[in-house]
Amino acid sequence: MASFWPYDSLPRARQAHGSKGHHISFISTPRNIDRLPKLPPNWASLIDLVKLPLPHMEKNNLPEDAEATIDVPYNKVPYLKKAYDALQDSMARFLQDSHPDWLLFDFVPYWLPSIARKLNIPNVFFSIYTAASLSFIGSKAHLGERKNPEDFAVPPSWVPFPTTVTLRFFEVMKIFQDSLSSDKSDVTDLFRFGEVLDGCDIVALRSSMEFEPEWLRVLEDLHQKPVLPIGQLPTVVYDNGDETDTWVWMKDWLDKQVKGSVVYVAFGSEAKPNQEELTEIALGDSVAKSLRLVMVEEEGKIYRDKAKELKGLFGDRTSQDRYLDSFLDYLISHLKKICT
């Protein structure tokens, strides 16, 4: 269940930051640890991979060996989160024994801030979501304001400027079907977000001031605590020599195609389209229409211009590394202040 973004990004930041004795323990369940890519040799001394077995639960409705959202269909994810919550005791024991300088976590373990507080461990909610997304969720105090699905299809009342950031109704009905019902996981995703945002010491997220400055300010105003953008965390290019047969076949096929003739449509490993959606994708009408709009038609010029504008931001690895360095500097300089 753990987010794997910090896995390759924070060790790289520590390298860029200089050799100052920093050490990282990356904690997850055994199968998740085993499926991670190999550590580059120069990172081996910087990171420990800690395996905490996922407790067995009666009637958990999970497939055998399911330990991550990629292992289960969408409707089984709440059961996985419920099983994940059973890691509280083993996490508490690990933290008590190791007593790290800082603890970073994602939104699922809503119980971690209270454990960290009892053990006097400063902690960070690390979010792969943008500031706009987290601001749309609101603070813990706002959780009770939206009672119906329709309430999520309009801009939040706490955003002080005009915005189109909202969910469409069909998205609400799909995304929040389980989040607004706690039958399978005891608590909702909104509750998890509310608890970690309320209980953490710092919010760190994949963003930058150049990308969404107004949303970062909204998020800080909502929670009255430091909100630190740490850049986009671009993937580190490292060739470990592992090439699957599938990838070799894909590269061979791509090499035979005419330049500019292939469109790559990525849904991500977490996206599991149902049959109706797969049919729509196969027909390709909406994809073709969107491509014509963005790449050819005059109406899409605003998107082309914006893409060129953001290319420099997202493609500037030096700037991205600078955000990570600043984040590490902040953690070091504020460690004693938060603990006292």
Protein backbone atom coordinates (compact mmCIF):
# COMPACT_ATOMS: atom_id res chain seq x y z
CA MET A 1 0.00 0.00 0.00
CA ALA A 2 2.94 2.33 0.58
CA SER A 3 3.69 4.95 -2.02
CA PHE A 4 6.91 4.03 -3.79
CA TRP A 5 7.72 7.55 -4.95
CA PRO A 6 10.21 8.29 -2.12
CA TYR A 7 11.95 4.99 -2.81
CA ASP A 8 14.17 6.33 -5.58
CA SER A 9 13.79 10.07 -5.05
CA LEU A 10 14.85 10.64 -1.45
CA PRO A 11 18.07 8.58 -1.66
CA ARG A 12 18.98 10.60 -4.77
CA ALA A 13 18.27 13.78 -2.86
CA ARG A 14 20.41 12.60 0.00
CA GLN A 15 23.24 12.00 -2.49
CA ALA A 16 22.85 15.47 -3.96
CA HIS A 17 22.68 16.88 -0.46
CA GLY A 18 26.07 15.48 0.41
CA SER A 19 27.36 12.71 2.61
CA LYS A 20 26.04 13.69 6.03
CA GLY A 21 25.11 10.33 7.53
CA HIS A 22 21.44 10.32 6.53
CA HIS A 23 19.85 6.88 6.42
CA ILE A 24 16.44 5.77 5.18
CA SER A 25 14.28 2.82 6.22
CA PHE A 26 11.65 2.03 3.60
CA ILE A 27 8.83 0.04 5.18
CA SER A 28 6.27 -2.09 3.39
CA THR A 29 4.95 -5.63 3.26
CA PRO A 30 7.19 -8.47 1.97
CA ARG A 31 5.69 -8.86 -1.51
CA ASN A 32 5.80 -5.11 -2.11
CA ILE A 33 9.45 -4.97 -1.07
CA ASP A 34 10.32 -7.95 -3.28
CA ARG A 35 8.78 -6.37 -6.39
CA LEU A 36 10.75 -3.14 -6.08
CA PRO A 37 13.47 -2.50 -8.66
CA LYS A 38 17.01 -3.26 -7.61
CA LEU A 39 18.79 -0.56 -5.69
CA PRO A 40 21.62 1.10 -7.60
CA PRO A 41 24.94 0.04 -6.02
CA ASN A 42 25.74 3.55 -4.82
CA TRP A 43 22.44 3.66 -2.86
CA ALA A 44 22.82 0.33 -1.09
CA SER A 45 24.30 1.87 2.06
CA LEU A 46 21.66 4.61 2.22
CA ILE A 47 18.45 2.62 2.51
CA ASP A 48 17.15 -0.38 4.43
CA LEU A 49 14.16 -2.26 3.04
CA VAL A 50 12.04 -3.29 6.03
CA LYS A 51 9.43 -6.03 5.60
CA LEU A 52 6.38 -6.04 7.88
CA PRO A 53 4.14 -9.06 7.17
CA LEU A 54 0.53 -8.19 6.43
CA PRO A 55 -1.52 -9.73 9.28
CA HIS A 56 -3.89 -12.51 8.27
CA MET A 57 -7.52 -11.57 8.71
CA GLU A 58 -10.50 -13.89 8.64
CA LYS A 59 -13.03 -13.12 5.92
CA ASN A 60 -10.92 -10.34 4.45
CA ASN A 61 -12.19 -11.07 0.92
CA LEU A 62 -8.71 -10.58 -0.54
CA PRO A 63 -7.00 -12.78 -3.12
CA GLU A 64 -4.08 -14.80 -1.82
CA ASP A 65 -0.84 -12.78 -1.56
CA ALA A 66 -2.62 -9.49 -2.30
CA GLU A 67 -0.57 -6.72 -0.71
CA ALA A 68 -1.01 -3.73 -3.00
CA THR A 69 -3.79 -2.06 -4.94
CA ILE A 70 -2.31 -3.39 -8.17
CA ASP A 71 -3.09 -6.92 -6.90
CA VAL A 72 -6.83 -6.43 -6.49
CA PRO A 73 -9.79 -5.14 -8.50
CA TYR A 74 -11.14 -1.73 -7.59
CA ASN A 75 -13.99 -3.06 -5.44
CA LYS A 76 -11.54 -5.03 -3.27
CA VAL A 77 -9.28 -2.08 -2.39
CA PRO A 78 -11.24 -1.19 0.79
CA TYR A 79 -10.59 -4.70 2.14
CA LEU A 80 -6.88 -4.21 1.48
CA LYS A 81 -6.91 -0.96 3.44
CA LYS A 82 -8.66 -2.71 6.31
CA ALA A 83 -5.93 -5.37 6.34
CA TYR A 84 -3.30 -2.63 6.14
CA ASP A 85 -4.75 -1.04 9.27
CA ALA A 86 -3.82 -4.22 11.16
CA LEU A 87 -0.15 -3.18 10.81
CA GLN A 88 -0.55 -0.62 13.60
CA ASP A 89 1.08 -2.73 16.30
CA SER A 90 4.07 -3.87 14.23
CA MET A 91 4.64 -0.31 12.99
CA ALA A 92 4.50 1.02 16.55
CA ARG A 93 7.07 -1.58 17.69
CA PHE A 94 9.40 -0.77 14.80
CA LEU A 95 9.21 2.96 15.48
CA GLN A 96 9.73 2.47 19.20
CA ASP A 97 12.83 0.34 18.60
CA SER A 98 14.35 2.48 15.84
CA HIS A 99 13.12 5.95 16.90
CA PRO A 100 13.82 7.68 13.57
CA ASP A 101 14.46 11.40 13.28
CA TRP A 102 11.52 11.75 10.88
CA LEU A 103 8.61 9.60 9.76
CA LEU A 104 7.08 9.98 6.28
CA PHE A 105 3.80 8.32 5.29
CA ASP A 106 0.95 8.53 2.79
CA PHE A 107 -2.77 9.00 3.49
CA VAL A 108 -3.78 5.39 4.19
CA PRO A 109 -2.24 4.89 7.68
CA TYR A 110 -4.40 7.53 9.38
CA TRP A 111 -3.31 6.06 12.73
CA LEU A 112 0.40 6.86 12.27
CA PRO A 113 0.34 10.53 13.39
CA SER A 114 -0.99 9.58 16.83
CA ILE A 115 1.62 6.81 17.19
CA ALA A 116 4.38 9.22 16.16
CA ARG A 117 3.12 11.81 18.63
CA LYS A 118 3.20 9.32 21.51
CA LEU A 119 6.78 8.38 20.60
CA ASN A 120 7.81 12.01 20.07
CA ILE A 121 8.74 11.39 16.43
CA PRO A 122 8.22 14.36 14.08
CA ASN A 123 6.31 13.30 11.00
CA VAL A 124 5.45 14.28 7.44
CA PHE A 125 2.41 13.46 5.35
CA PHE A 126 3.93 12.77 1.94
CA SER A 127 1.37 13.21 -0.84
CA ILE A 128 1.63 12.22 -4.48
CA TYR A 129 -1.45 14.38 -5.06
CA THR A 130 -1.24 18.04 -6.05
CA ALA A 131 -2.07 20.92 -3.73
CA ALA A 132 -5.22 21.55 -5.76
CA SER A 133 -6.41 17.99 -5.10
CA LEU A 134 -5.68 18.18 -1.37
CA SER A 135 -7.32 21.60 -1.15
CA PHE A 136 -10.42 20.18 -2.84
CA ILE A 137 -10.64 17.57 -0.07
CA GLY A 138 -10.53 20.30 2.57
CA SER A 139 -9.57 20.11 6.22
CA LYS A 140 -10.86 17.76 8.90
CA ALA A 141 -13.34 20.45 9.93
CA HIS A 142 -14.83 20.45 6.41
CA LEU A 143 -15.46 16.71 6.17
CA GLY A 144 -19.04 16.99 7.37
CA GLU A 145 -20.02 19.82 5.03
CA ARG A 146 -20.49 17.65 1.93
CA LYS A 147 -23.09 14.99 2.65
CA ASN A 148 -24.34 14.15 -0.86
CA PRO A 149 -22.46 13.16 -4.05
CA GLU A 150 -23.69 16.35 -5.72
CA ASP A 151 -21.74 18.39 -3.16
CA PHE A 152 -18.47 17.13 -4.65
CA ALA A 153 -19.42 18.27 -8.15
CA VAL A 154 -19.11 21.98 -7.32
CA PRO A 155 -16.07 24.05 -6.27
CA PRO A 156 -15.43 23.98 -2.49
CA SER A 157 -16.67 26.93 -0.46
CA TRP A 158 -13.29 27.36 1.25
CA VAL A 159 -11.37 28.15 -1.96
CA PRO A 160 -11.13 31.97 -2.04
CA PHE A 161 -10.87 32.39 -5.82
CA PRO A 162 -12.85 31.24 -8.87
CA THR A 163 -11.88 27.74 -9.93
CA THR A 164 -12.99 24.91 -12.16
CA VAL A 165 -11.29 22.33 -9.93
CA THR A 166 -14.10 19.95 -9.10
CA LEU A 167 -15.36 16.48 -9.92
CA ARG A 168 -17.91 15.65 -12.56
CA PHE A 169 -20.90 13.78 -11.25
CA PHE A 170 -20.07 10.47 -12.94
CA GLU A 171 -16.58 10.69 -11.42
CA VAL A 172 -18.08 11.28 -7.99
CA MET A 173 -20.29 8.23 -8.29
CA LYS A 174 -17.36 6.01 -9.26
CA ILE A 175 -14.51 7.36 -7.16
CA PHE A 176 -16.48 7.91 -3.98
CA GLN A 177 -18.60 4.78 -4.13
CA ASP A 178 -16.35 3.14 -1.57
CA SER A 179 -14.90 6.30 -0.04
CA LEU A 180 -18.30 7.50 1.13
CA SER A 181 -19.25 4.09 2.48
CA SER A 182 -17.23 2.57 5.31
CA ASP A 183 -18.81 -0.91 5.16
CA LYS A 184 -15.67 -2.61 3.80
CA SER A 185 -12.80 -0.69 5.41
CA ASP A 186 -14.30 0.67 8.65
CA VAL A 187 -13.24 4.20 7.71
CA THR A 188 -13.55 6.21 4.51
CA ASP A 189 -10.72 7.62 2.40
CA LEU A 190 -11.92 11.11 3.25
CA PHE A 191 -11.58 10.27 6.93
CA ARG A 192 -8.04 8.97 6.33
CA PHE A 193 -7.08 12.17 4.52
CA GLY A 194 -8.65 14.28 7.24
CA GLU A 195 -6.80 12.48 10.03
CA VAL A 196 -3.34 12.55 8.44
CA LEU A 197 -3.66 16.18 7.36
CA ASP A 198 -4.81 17.14 10.83
CA GLY A 199 -2.29 15.03 12.75
CA CYS A 200 0.93 15.45 10.76
CA ASP A 201 3.56 18.07 11.53
CA ILE A 202 4.33 18.91 7.90
CA VAL A 203 2.70 18.34 4.52
CA ALA A 204 5.12 17.51 1.69
CA LEU A 205 3.79 17.02 -1.81
CA ARG A 206 4.76 16.58 -5.45
CA SER A 207 4.40 20.15 -6.58
CA SER A 208 6.24 23.44 -7.00
CA MET A 209 5.60 27.13 -6.50
CA GLU A 210 5.94 27.68 -10.24
CA PHE A 211 3.19 25.15 -10.94
CA GLU A 212 0.41 25.97 -8.44
CA PRO A 213 1.37 28.78 -6.01
CA GLU A 214 -2.21 29.78 -5.19
CA TRP A 215 -3.21 26.22 -4.26
CA LEU A 216 -0.18 25.78 -2.03
CA ARG A 217 -1.25 28.89 -0.13
CA VAL A 218 -4.82 27.58 0.18
CA LEU A 219 -3.53 24.29 1.56
CA GLU A 220 -1.34 26.04 4.13
CA ASP A 221 -4.20 28.30 5.20
CA LEU A 222 -6.53 25.31 5.55
CA HIS A 223 -4.26 23.32 7.84
CA GLN A 224 -2.17 26.03 9.50
CA LYS A 225 1.06 24.07 9.19
CA PRO A 226 4.05 24.05 6.85
CA VAL A 227 3.28 22.88 3.30
CA LEU A 228 6.45 22.03 1.40
CA PRO A 229 6.50 21.42 -2.36
CA ILE A 230 9.30 18.98 -3.16
CA GLY A 231 9.21 19.10 -6.95
CA GLN A 232 7.83 16.54 -9.39
CA LEU A 233 10.23 13.73 -8.39
CA PRO A 234 11.26 12.77 -11.92
CA THR A 235 12.25 9.15 -12.39
CA VAL A 236 15.92 8.36 -12.05
CA VAL A 237 17.31 6.71 -15.16
CA TYR A 238 19.16 3.64 -13.97
CA ASP A 239 19.79 0.58 -16.12
CA ASN A 240 19.91 -2.50 -13.89
CA GLY A 241 20.22 -4.81 -16.86
CA ASP A 242 16.75 -6.29 -16.46
CA GLU A 243 14.79 -6.36 -19.71
CA THR A 244 11.62 -8.41 -19.82
CA ASP A 245 10.55 -10.27 -22.93
CA THR A 246 7.52 -7.99 -23.15
CA TRP A 247 9.64 -4.84 -23.21
CA VAL A 248 12.03 -6.29 -25.79
CA TRP A 249 9.05 -7.14 -28.01
CA MET A 250 7.59 -3.65 -27.55
CA LYS A 251 10.85 -1.92 -28.47
CA ASP A 252 11.25 -4.13 -31.54
CA TRP A 253 7.70 -3.31 -32.67
CA LEU A 254 8.14 0.44 -32.08
CA ASP A 255 11.38 0.51 -34.07
CA LYS A 256 9.45 -0.72 -37.13
CA GLN A 257 6.80 2.02 -37.05
CA VAL A 258 6.88 5.23 -39.06
CA LYS A 259 7.98 8.25 -37.04
CA GLY A 260 4.98 10.11 -35.61
CA SER A 261 2.53 7.31 -36.39
CA VAL A 262 2.09 5.89 -32.86
CA VAL A 263 0.09 7.45 -30.06
CA TYR A 264 0.84 6.18 -26.56
CA VAL A 265 -2.12 6.30 -24.20
CA ALA A 266 -1.16 5.50 -20.60
CA PHE A 267 -3.69 4.80 -17.87
CA GLY A 268 -1.23 3.84 -15.13
CA SER A 269 -0.99 0.61 -13.18
CA GLU A 270 -3.73 1.72 -10.80
CA ALA A 271 -6.33 2.23 -13.53
CA LYS A 272 -8.47 -0.82 -14.16
CA PRO A 273 -11.03 0.03 -16.87
CA ASN A 274 -14.24 -1.98 -16.84
CA GLN A 275 -15.66 -3.58 -19.99
CA GLU A 276 -17.70 -0.54 -20.94
CA GLU A 277 -14.66 1.72 -20.65
CA LEU A 278 -12.48 -0.71 -22.59
CA THR A 279 -15.04 -0.70 -25.40
CA GLU A 280 -15.01 3.11 -25.49
CA ILE A 281 -11.22 3.13 -25.57
CA ALA A 282 -11.14 0.55 -28.37
CA LEU A 283 -13.52 2.61 -30.48
CA GLY A 284 -11.17 5.53 -29.96
CA ASP A 285 -13.63 8.26 -30.91
CA SER A 286 -13.06 10.44 -27.85
CA VAL A 287 -9.29 9.88 -27.97
CA ALA A 288 -9.12 10.88 -31.63
CA LYS A 289 -11.28 13.93 -31.00
CA SER A 290 -9.09 15.02 -28.08
CA LEU A 291 -5.92 14.56 -30.13
CA ARG A 292 -7.30 16.68 -32.97
CA LEU A 293 -8.32 19.36 -30.49
CA VAL A 294 -4.97 19.53 -28.72
CA MET A 295 -2.60 18.97 -31.64
CA VAL A 296 -4.33 20.52 -34.67
CA GLU A 297 -7.34 22.73 -34.10
CA GLU A 298 -7.09 26.43 -33.25
CA GLU A 299 -9.15 25.88 -30.10
CA GLY A 300 -6.35 23.70 -28.74
CA LYS A 301 -3.64 26.35 -29.12
CA ILE A 302 -3.98 27.30 -25.45
CA TYR A 303 -3.08 23.71 -24.48
CA ARG A 304 -0.10 23.61 -26.85
CA ASP A 305 1.20 26.90 -25.49
CA LYS A 306 0.74 25.75 -21.90
CA ALA A 307 2.57 22.50 -22.62
CA LYS A 308 5.54 24.43 -24.00
CA GLU A 309 5.49 26.69 -20.96
CA LEU A 310 5.52 23.79 -18.51
CA LYS A 311 8.11 21.80 -20.44
CA GLY A 312 10.87 23.92 -18.98
CA LEU A 313 9.52 23.50 -15.47
CA PHE A 314 9.02 19.74 -15.48
CA GLY A 315 12.10 19.04 -17.57
CA ASP A 316 14.51 21.05 -15.41
CA ARG A 317 16.11 18.35 -13.25
CA THR A 318 18.36 20.88 -11.53
CA SER A 319 15.32 22.82 -10.33
CA GLN A 320 13.61 19.61 -9.20
CA ASP A 321 16.69 18.52 -7.24
CA ARG A 322 16.83 21.95 -5.64
CA TYR A 323 13.34 21.41 -4.20
CA LEU A 324 14.43 18.10 -2.69
CA ASP A 325 17.58 19.65 -1.24
CA SER A 326 15.50 22.42 0.35
CA PHE A 327 13.16 19.81 1.81
CA LEU A 328 16.04 17.92 3.43
CA ASP A 329 17.52 21.17 4.74
CA TYR A 330 14.14 21.99 6.29
CA LEU A 331 13.90 18.60 8.00
CA ILE A 332 17.38 18.94 9.46
CA SER A 333 16.97 22.51 10.67
CA HIS A 334 13.49 21.97 12.17
CA LEU A 335 14.08 18.62 13.85
CA LYS A 336 14.84 19.98 17.30
CA LYS A 337 12.22 22.73 17.05
CA ILE A 338 9.38 20.25 16.47
CA CYS A 339 10.57 17.79 19.10
CA THR A 340 10.74 20.43 21.84
